[in-house]
Amino acid sequence: MDEDDLVTSARRRRLYFWLMGTCVALIVLAWQVVRFWSVPAAVAMSAVAAVLPPAAAVVANWGRGG
């Protein structure tokens, strides 16, 4: 594994954690804060959060041979 692979791997890992953190934040904010003002907005936030984990998995595994 050369230096470029390590940099790319670190970048993918960082992006994965950002996406998963955003997912958790959206769920928590939607159902602890936003639902008091707008249930449809909370549902929309949850729908976006539902798409993030599969996208994060694709990002984390991008460029790996297999």
Protein backbone atom coordinates (compact mmCIF):
# COMPACT_ATOMS: atom_id res chain seq x y z
CA MET A 1 0.00 0.00 0.00
CA ASP A 2 1.56 3.30 -1.05
CA GLU A 3 1.08 6.79 0.37
CA ASP A 4 -1.71 7.73 -2.08
CA ASP A 5 -3.76 4.72 -0.97
CA LEU A 6 -3.36 5.73 2.67
CA VAL A 7 -4.45 9.30 1.96
CA THR A 8 -7.44 8.09 -0.04
CA SER A 9 -8.36 5.61 2.69
CA ALA A 10 -8.17 8.31 5.37
CA ARG A 11 -10.31 10.63 3.25
CA ARG A 12 -12.93 7.92 2.70
CA ARG A 13 -12.96 7.11 6.41
CA ARG A 14 -13.39 10.77 7.34
CA LEU A 15 -16.24 11.20 4.83
CA TYR A 16 -17.89 8.02 6.14
CA PHE A 17 -17.88 9.34 9.71
CA TRP A 18 -19.18 12.74 8.60
CA LEU A 19 -22.07 11.10 6.74
CA MET A 20 -22.94 8.82 9.65
CA GLY A 21 -22.67 11.70 12.12
CA THR A 22 -25.00 13.74 9.94
CA CYS A 23 -27.42 10.82 9.89
CA VAL A 24 -27.49 10.58 13.68
CA ALA A 25 -27.79 14.37 14.05
CA LEU A 26 -30.72 14.49 11.61
CA ILE A 27 -32.60 11.74 13.47
CA VAL A 28 -32.02 13.30 16.88
CA LEU A 29 -32.91 16.81 15.74
CA ALA A 30 -35.95 15.63 13.80
CA TRP A 31 -37.58 13.78 16.68
CA GLN A 32 -36.38 15.81 19.65
CA VAL A 33 -36.70 19.35 18.27
CA VAL A 34 -38.31 19.75 14.85
CA ARG A 35 -41.37 17.56 15.47
CA PHE A 36 -42.77 20.16 17.88
CA TRP A 37 -43.05 22.65 15.01
CA SER A 38 -43.51 20.47 11.94
CA VAL A 39 -44.06 16.73 11.78
CA PRO A 40 -43.72 16.67 7.95
CA ALA A 41 -40.32 18.36 8.24
CA ALA A 42 -39.26 15.77 10.82
CA VAL A 43 -40.39 12.97 8.51
CA ALA A 44 -38.48 14.54 5.60
CA MET A 45 -35.36 14.80 7.77
CA SER A 46 -35.77 11.14 8.69
CA ALA A 47 -36.11 10.19 5.02
CA VAL A 48 -32.85 11.97 4.22
CA ALA A 49 -31.22 10.27 7.21
CA ALA A 50 -32.40 6.87 5.92
CA VAL A 51 -30.52 7.38 2.64
CA LEU A 52 -27.23 8.34 4.28
CA PRO A 53 -26.07 4.97 5.71
CA PRO A 54 -26.12 3.14 2.35
CA ALA A 55 -24.40 6.13 0.73
CA ALA A 56 -21.80 6.11 3.50
CA ALA A 57 -21.15 2.41 2.94
CA VAL A 58 -20.64 3.00 -0.77
CA VAL A 59 -18.22 5.86 -0.03
CA ALA A 60 -16.31 3.76 2.50
CA ASN A 61 -15.83 0.92 0.02
CA TRP A 62 -15.22 3.01 -3.10
CA GLY A 63 -12.08 2.09 -4.97
CA ARG A 64 -11.44 -1.19 -3.19
CA GLY A 65 -10.76 -4.17 -5.37
CA GLY A 66 -12.91 -7.19 -5.05
